């Protein structure tokens, strides 16, 4: 596709990086970033300074999150979406390789 085209087509299932949680920046829209991540390792416990949408495009991810002082885990498969409101502490643990679309405030962890 030519460089000056107004669209992007990303074959998510083919995307990989040399390190866990490496990312492809897809778009920046009014202070919101859209990134495709590849990983085969857990992330780190964190709290975003805005909401986060986390969509599994390939693989299986165990999403751990804390609510009311207790840790919970949700298994996410292809097509599943996790929404974390402001202040929700969470961490993603892929089972093998995973590709994840993350939509969040630009500059978030």
Protein backbone atom coordinates (compact mmCIF):
# COMPACT_ATOMS: atom_id res chain seq x y z
CA UNK A 1 0.00 0.00 0.00
CA UNK A 2 1.46 3.45 -0.89
CA UNK A 3 2.75 5.61 1.97
CA UNK A 4 0.30 8.44 1.28
CA UNK A 5 -2.85 6.31 1.44
CA UNK A 6 -5.50 7.48 3.94
CA UNK A 7 -6.04 3.95 5.32
CA UNK A 8 -4.05 1.26 7.11
CA UNK A 9 -4.59 -2.47 6.87
CA UNK A 10 -2.87 -4.47 9.59
CA UNK A 11 -2.75 -8.27 9.54
CA UNK A 12 -2.77 -8.68 13.33
CA UNK A 13 -2.20 -12.44 13.29
CA UNK A 14 1.13 -11.85 11.46
CA UNK A 15 2.40 -9.10 13.78
CA UNK A 16 5.32 -9.86 16.06
CA UNK A 17 8.10 -7.93 17.78
CA UNK A 18 11.51 -8.77 19.19
CA UNK A 19 10.37 -8.24 22.79
CA UNK A 20 7.32 -8.93 24.90
CA UNK A 21 4.74 -6.12 24.81
CA UNK A 22 6.34 -4.54 21.78
CA UNK A 23 3.79 -2.43 19.94
CA UNK A 24 2.73 -1.11 16.58
CA UNK A 25 1.22 2.36 16.85
CA UNK A 26 -1.90 2.32 14.71
CA UNK A 27 -3.44 5.72 15.46
CA UNK A 28 -3.53 8.73 17.75
CA UNK A 29 -7.04 10.19 17.94
CA UNK A 30 -7.82 13.21 20.11
CA UNK A 31 -5.47 12.11 22.91
CA UNK A 32 -6.34 8.41 22.58
CA UNK A 33 -3.79 5.87 21.37
CA UNK A 34 -4.60 2.69 19.47
CA UNK A 35 -1.79 0.12 19.58
CA UNK A 36 -1.35 -3.48 18.59
CA UNK A 37 0.80 -5.45 21.05
CA UNK A 38 2.50 -8.80 20.69
CA UNK A 39 3.58 -10.67 23.79
CA UNK A 40 4.38 -14.06 25.23
CA UNK A 41 5.09 -12.76 28.75
CA UNK A 42 2.99 -11.20 31.54
CA UNK A 43 2.88 -7.43 31.81
CA UNK A 44 3.12 -5.72 35.22
CA UNK A 45 0.44 -4.75 37.71
CA UNK A 46 -0.58 -1.20 36.86
CA UNK A 47 -3.30 1.44 37.06
CA UNK A 48 -3.96 3.60 34.00
CA UNK A 49 -4.67 7.29 34.36
CA UNK A 50 -7.68 6.86 32.06
CA UNK A 51 -9.96 4.12 30.84
CA UNK A 52 -8.52 1.23 28.85
CA UNK A 53 -10.06 -1.09 26.29
CA UNK A 54 -8.15 -4.34 25.79
CA UNK A 55 -9.24 -6.64 22.92
CA UNK A 56 -7.68 -10.06 22.30
CA UNK A 57 -7.11 -10.57 18.58
CA UNK A 58 -5.05 -13.77 18.80
CA UNK A 59 -4.30 -16.15 21.67
CA UNK A 60 -5.60 -16.51 25.22
CA UNK A 61 -4.95 -14.02 28.02
CA UNK A 62 -5.71 -14.34 31.72
CA UNK A 63 -6.57 -10.83 32.91
CA UNK A 64 -6.02 -10.37 36.63
CA UNK A 65 -7.65 -7.37 38.27
CA UNK A 66 -8.35 -6.12 41.76
CA UNK A 67 -11.80 -5.07 42.90
CA UNK A 68 -13.10 -4.51 46.46
CA UNK A 69 -9.74 -5.59 47.88
CA UNK A 70 -9.79 -8.98 46.14
CA UNK A 71 -7.98 -10.32 43.10
CA UNK A 72 -10.10 -11.73 40.27
CA UNK A 73 -9.14 -13.43 37.00
CA UNK A 74 -11.00 -13.46 33.69
CA UNK A 75 -9.92 -15.70 30.83
CA UNK A 76 -10.05 -13.78 27.54
CA UNK A 77 -10.04 -15.46 24.14
CA UNK A 78 -10.10 -14.21 20.57
CA UNK A 79 -12.75 -11.53 20.23
CA UNK A 80 -13.07 -10.89 23.97
CA UNK A 81 -12.81 -7.32 25.24
CA UNK A 82 -11.79 -6.16 28.74
CA UNK A 83 -12.63 -2.64 29.92
CA UNK A 84 -10.74 -1.15 32.85
CA UNK A 85 -12.20 2.01 34.38
CA UNK A 86 -9.96 4.69 35.85
CA UNK A 87 -8.19 3.34 38.93
CA UNK A 88 -8.63 -0.37 38.14
CA UNK A 89 -5.43 -2.23 38.98
CA UNK A 90 -4.81 -5.02 36.46
CA UNK A 91 -2.22 -7.20 34.73
CA UNK A 92 -2.40 -9.40 31.63
CA UNK A 93 -0.89 -12.90 31.56
CA UNK A 94 -0.89 -14.46 28.08
CA UNK A 95 -0.93 -18.23 27.67
CA UNK A 96 1.74 -18.49 24.99
CA UNK A 97 1.73 -15.85 22.26
CA UNK A 98 -1.01 -13.25 22.11
CA UNK A 99 -1.86 -10.22 20.03
CA UNK A 100 -3.84 -7.53 21.75
CA UNK A 101 -5.41 -4.26 20.60
CA UNK A 102 -5.18 -1.63 23.33
CA UNK A 103 -7.09 1.65 23.23
CA UNK A 104 -6.20 4.09 25.99
CA UNK A 105 -5.21 7.64 26.85
CA UNK A 106 -2.00 8.52 25.00
CA UNK A 107 1.05 8.09 27.21
CA UNK A 108 -0.53 5.51 29.55
CA UNK A 109 1.51 2.53 30.76
